[in-house]
Amino acid sequence: MFAVATAAVLVTMGLALVRAALGPTVFDRILALNMFGTKTVLLIAVMGFLTGRPDFLDLAIVYALMNFIGVIAVLRFSKYGHFADPDREEVT
């Protein structure tokens, strides 16, 4: 049963990569990469359960946090073109 779940997660990861490559807009691509990261977290958790290593869940949580922060950073960069605070005036 868990092998089927692992295969299903791998298939959806492949579909997310296809969507990231073919997405018509930048936001479609970012969403597909976010979905890929989420499925990676799920895959790490399933593999940890299958191998009997609960410490994989810690790795999955860390990867989920990195994925979230990365997506927020990419969205901010795609909106403003830089990572600086948009309300702060430039000091010259």
C-alpha atoms as a PDB file:
ATOM      1  CA  MET A   1       0.000   0.000   0.000  1.00  0.00           C
ATOM      2  CA  PHE A   2       2.796   2.438   0.861  1.00  0.00           C
ATOM      3  CA  ALA A   3       4.642   1.557  -2.332  1.00  0.00           C
ATOM      4  CA  VAL A   4       1.561   2.689  -4.247  1.00  0.00           C
ATOM      5  CA  ALA A   5       1.517   5.936  -2.259  1.00  0.00           C
ATOM      6  CA  THR A   6       5.199   6.486  -3.045  1.00  0.00           C
ATOM      7  CA  ALA A   7       4.587   5.859  -6.745  1.00  0.00           C
ATOM      8  CA  ALA A   8       1.628   8.257  -6.739  1.00  0.00           C
ATOM      9  CA  VAL A   9       3.720  10.975  -5.091  1.00  0.00           C
ATOM     10  CA  LEU A  10       6.477  10.464  -7.676  1.00  0.00           C
ATOM     11  CA  VAL A  11       3.953  10.749 -10.518  1.00  0.00           C
ATOM     12  CA  THR A  12       2.548  13.997  -9.130  1.00  0.00           C
ATOM     13  CA  MET A  13       6.097  15.311  -8.704  1.00  0.00           C
ATOM     14  CA  GLY A  14       6.710  14.590 -12.383  1.00  0.00           C
ATOM     15  CA  LEU A  15       3.498  16.364 -13.339  1.00  0.00           C
ATOM     16  CA  ALA A  16       4.528  19.363 -11.234  1.00  0.00           C
ATOM     17  CA  LEU A  17       7.839  19.542 -13.098  1.00  0.00           C
ATOM     18  CA  VAL A  18       5.998  19.439 -16.421  1.00  0.00           C
ATOM     19  CA  ARG A  19       3.752  22.266 -15.225  1.00  0.00           C
ATOM     20  CA  ALA A  20       6.792  24.240 -14.111  1.00  0.00           C
ATOM     21  CA  ALA A  21       8.340  23.860 -17.553  1.00  0.00           C
ATOM     22  CA  LEU A  22       5.173  24.634 -19.528  1.00  0.00           C
ATOM     23  CA  GLY A  23       3.414  27.168 -17.266  1.00  0.00           C
ATOM     24  CA  PRO A  24       2.292  30.202 -19.239  1.00  0.00           C
ATOM     25  CA  THR A  25       3.093  32.684 -16.479  1.00  0.00           C
ATOM     26  CA  VAL A  26       5.782  33.064 -13.856  1.00  0.00           C
ATOM     27  CA  PHE A  27       3.229  32.539 -11.092  1.00  0.00           C
ATOM     28  CA  ASP A  28       2.145  29.184 -12.578  1.00  0.00           C
ATOM     29  CA  ARG A  29       5.762  28.095 -12.551  1.00  0.00           C
ATOM     30  CA  ILE A  30       6.294  29.249  -8.965  1.00  0.00           C
ATOM     31  CA  LEU A  31       3.141  27.434  -7.853  1.00  0.00           C
ATOM     32  CA  ALA A  32       4.300  24.255  -9.606  1.00  0.00           C
ATOM     33  CA  LEU A  33       7.689  24.447  -7.899  1.00  0.00           C
ATOM     34  CA  ASN A  34       5.951  25.003  -4.560  1.00  0.00           C
ATOM     35  CA  MET A  35       3.847  21.919  -5.219  1.00  0.00           C
ATOM     36  CA  PHE A  36       7.003  19.987  -6.098  1.00  0.00           C
ATOM     37  CA  GLY A  37       8.550  21.019  -2.776  1.00  0.00           C
ATOM     38  CA  THR A  38       5.422  19.994  -0.892  1.00  0.00           C
ATOM     39  CA  LYS A  39       5.400  16.609  -2.587  1.00  0.00           C
ATOM     40  CA  THR A  40       9.080  16.225  -1.713  1.00  0.00           C
ATOM     41  CA  VAL A  41       8.209  16.756   1.949  1.00  0.00           C
ATOM     42  CA  LEU A  42       5.497  14.117   1.633  1.00  0.00           C
ATOM     43  CA  LEU A  43       7.908  11.726  -0.064  1.00  0.00           C
ATOM     44  CA  ILE A  44      10.505  12.176   2.694  1.00  0.00           C
ATOM     45  CA  ALA A  45       7.826  11.489   5.317  1.00  0.00           C
ATOM     46  CA  VAL A  46       6.581   8.361   3.521  1.00  0.00           C
ATOM     47  CA  MET A  47      10.108   7.055   3.056  1.00  0.00           C
ATOM     48  CA  GLY A  48      10.820   7.673   6.738  1.00  0.00           C
ATOM     49  CA  PHE A  49       7.722   5.690   7.641  1.00  0.00           C
ATOM     50  CA  LEU A  50       8.589   2.853   5.257  1.00  0.00           C
ATOM     51  CA  THR A  51      12.139   2.522   6.546  1.00  0.00           C
ATOM     52  CA  GLY A  52      11.122   2.915  10.194  1.00  0.00           C
ATOM     53  CA  ARG A  53      13.188   6.065  10.717  1.00  0.00           C
ATOM     54  CA  PRO A  54      11.067   8.748  12.393  1.00  0.00           C
ATOM     55  CA  ASP A  55      13.977  11.195  12.288  1.00  0.00           C
ATOM     56  CA  PHE A  56      13.159  11.714   8.594  1.00  0.00           C
ATOM     57  CA  LEU A  57      10.165  13.743   9.776  1.00  0.00           C
ATOM     58  CA  ASP A  58      12.544  16.324  11.215  1.00  0.00           C
ATOM     59  CA  LEU A  59      14.229  16.578   7.831  1.00  0.00           C
ATOM     60  CA  ALA A  60      10.834  16.924   6.152  1.00  0.00           C
ATOM     61  CA  ILE A  61       9.874  19.795   8.462  1.00  0.00           C
ATOM     62  CA  VAL A  62      13.140  21.613   7.800  1.00  0.00           C
ATOM     63  CA  TYR A  63      12.699  21.139   4.046  1.00  0.00           C
ATOM     64  CA  ALA A  64       9.108  22.448   4.284  1.00  0.00           C
ATOM     65  CA  LEU A  65      10.308  25.606   6.042  1.00  0.00           C
ATOM     66  CA  MET A  66      13.032  26.157   3.441  1.00  0.00           C
ATOM     67  CA  ASN A  67      10.496  25.625   0.658  1.00  0.00           C
ATOM     68  CA  PHE A  68       8.110  28.167   2.199  1.00  0.00           C
ATOM     69  CA  ILE A  69      10.796  30.814   2.695  1.00  0.00           C
ATOM     70  CA  GLY A  70      12.149  30.211  -0.801  1.00  0.00           C
ATOM     71  CA  VAL A  71       8.747  30.638  -2.432  1.00  0.00           C
ATOM     72  CA  ILE A  72       8.106  33.849  -0.500  1.00  0.00           C
ATOM     73  CA  ALA A  73      11.514  35.189  -1.577  1.00  0.00           C
ATOM     74  CA  VAL A  74      10.945  34.318  -5.241  1.00  0.00           C
ATOM     75  CA  LEU A  75       7.480  35.893  -5.210  1.00  0.00           C
ATOM     76  CA  ARG A  76       8.826  39.062  -3.615  1.00  0.00           C
ATOM     77  CA  PHE A  77      11.643  39.240  -6.160  1.00  0.00           C
ATOM     78  CA  SER A  78       9.268  38.655  -9.079  1.00  0.00           C
ATOM     79  CA  LYS A  79       6.992  41.456  -7.841  1.00  0.00           C
ATOM     80  CA  TYR A  80       9.552  44.136  -6.910  1.00  0.00           C
ATOM     81  CA  GLY A  81      12.679  43.085  -8.789  1.00  0.00           C
ATOM     82  CA  HIS A  82      14.770  43.252  -5.601  1.00  0.00           C
ATOM     83  CA  PHE A  83      14.648  42.065  -1.998  1.00  0.00           C
ATOM     84  CA  ALA A  84      14.842  45.483  -0.318  1.00  0.00           C
ATOM     85  CA  ASP A  85      11.924  46.989   1.546  1.00  0.00           C
ATOM     86  CA  PRO A  86       9.765  48.797  -1.065  1.00  0.00           C
ATOM     87  CA  ASP A  87       8.655  51.470   1.436  1.00  0.00           C
ATOM     88  CA  ARG A  88      12.164  52.423   2.509  1.00  0.00           C
ATOM     89  CA  GLU A  89      13.787  55.318   0.696  1.00  0.00           C
ATOM     90  CA  GLU A  90      17.197  54.828  -0.833  1.00  0.00           C
ATOM     91  CA  VAL A  91      20.033  56.640   0.939  1.00  0.00           C
ATOM     92  CA  THR A  92      22.402  58.303  -1.495  1.00  0.00           C
END
